[in-house]
Structure formats: C-alpha cells, structure tokens
Amino acid sequence: MEVIPCGVEVVLKRAEYHGVITCISIRDNHVTYEVSYYESGTYKSNYFCDYEFFVSAEQTKVPIGFRHI
C-alpha cells in the first residue's frame, strides 16, 4: 500500500483552503488523511480522502507496511 506522507502541504478542492496532512488513517484497505488548516481564523482538522484535495508540491506516494521475514 502507498500513502501520501505526513507533513505534505495540500489544497482542499471544495474550499481551496491550504492545509497540512497531520495523520494517516488506514481501515481495511481504505486510507483517509487528517488535514489541519485555518478556516476564518479558526484552526480546524478533518479527515479527507485523497480525491478531495490537491497536493501542493510534486509529491509521490510512499510505500507503507511491514516486512515479513
């Protein structure tokens, strides 16, 4: 499985707010990202799927998981 790493700057598609990925949540095979951002002077944090935001910089997904020995 590959994910966008924490610390990457993103732009939310609906509101065009700039934010930062602060957490990655994996449930079954579904990945959501907690994005922290400012809205009307208030700090907010919500979970989004990767299709709900643009990645600000050229960022590739990185592999995540465990190595079986």
Protein backbone atom coordinates (compact mmCIF):
# COMPACT_ATOMS: atom_id res chain seq x y z
CA MET A 1 0.00 0.00 0.00
CA GLU A 2 1.21 3.52 -0.75
CA VAL A 3 0.23 6.74 1.05
CA ILE A 4 0.96 10.46 0.90
CA PRO A 5 3.28 11.13 3.87
CA CYS A 6 2.50 13.39 6.84
CA GLY A 7 3.77 16.96 6.58
CA VAL A 8 2.82 17.38 2.92
CA GLU A 9 1.00 20.62 2.09
CA VAL A 10 -2.35 20.24 0.32
CA VAL A 11 -5.17 22.42 -1.02
CA LEU A 12 -8.73 21.33 -0.29
CA LYS A 13 -10.77 21.19 -3.51
CA ARG A 14 -14.13 22.44 -2.21
CA ALA A 15 -12.99 25.48 -0.24
CA GLU A 16 -9.44 25.97 -1.57
CA TYR A 17 -8.03 26.12 1.96
CA HIS A 18 -4.34 25.33 2.35
CA GLY A 19 -3.51 22.68 4.90
CA VAL A 20 -1.04 20.04 6.01
CA ILE A 21 -1.51 16.28 6.34
CA THR A 22 -1.12 15.57 10.06
CA CYS A 23 -2.33 11.95 10.29
CA ILE A 24 -2.98 8.92 8.10
CA SER A 25 -5.82 6.55 8.96
CA ILE A 26 -5.99 3.07 7.41
CA ARG A 27 -9.13 0.98 7.92
CA ASP A 28 -9.29 -2.25 5.94
CA ASN A 29 -7.97 -1.10 2.54
CA HIS A 30 -9.34 2.44 2.80
CA VAL A 31 -6.97 5.37 3.50
CA THR A 32 -8.08 8.76 4.84
CA TYR A 33 -5.88 11.72 5.68
CA GLU A 34 -6.32 14.14 8.56
CA VAL A 35 -5.70 17.62 7.19
CA SER A 36 -5.14 20.57 9.54
CA TYR A 37 -5.98 24.04 8.19
CA TYR A 38 -7.24 27.51 9.11
CA GLU A 39 -10.82 28.47 8.27
CA SER A 40 -12.00 32.00 9.06
CA GLY A 41 -9.21 32.43 11.62
CA THR A 42 -10.01 29.13 13.37
CA TYR A 43 -7.66 26.12 13.36
CA LYS A 44 -9.52 23.02 12.16
CA SER A 45 -8.71 19.42 11.48
CA ASN A 46 -10.81 16.94 9.45
CA TYR A 47 -10.38 13.67 7.59
CA PHE A 48 -10.40 13.61 3.77
CA CYS A 49 -9.89 11.05 1.01
CA ASP A 50 -7.06 11.73 -1.44
CA TYR A 51 -9.52 12.74 -4.18
CA GLU A 52 -10.79 15.63 -2.01
CA PHE A 53 -7.54 17.62 -2.13
CA PHE A 54 -4.67 18.61 -4.40
CA VAL A 55 -1.07 18.04 -3.35
CA SER A 56 0.69 21.42 -3.38
CA ALA A 57 4.13 20.21 -4.39
CA GLU A 58 5.25 17.38 -6.63
CA GLN A 59 4.90 14.62 -4.09
CA THR A 60 4.80 10.92 -4.77
CA LYS A 61 3.17 8.35 -2.54
CA VAL A 62 5.48 6.27 -0.37
CA PRO A 63 5.10 2.57 0.48
CA ILE A 64 3.87 1.71 3.94
CA GLY A 65 3.58 -1.63 5.68
CA PHE A 66 5.51 -4.36 7.42
CA ARG A 67 8.28 -6.55 6.13
CA HIS A 68 7.61 -10.25 6.65
CA ILE A 69 10.75 -12.20 7.38
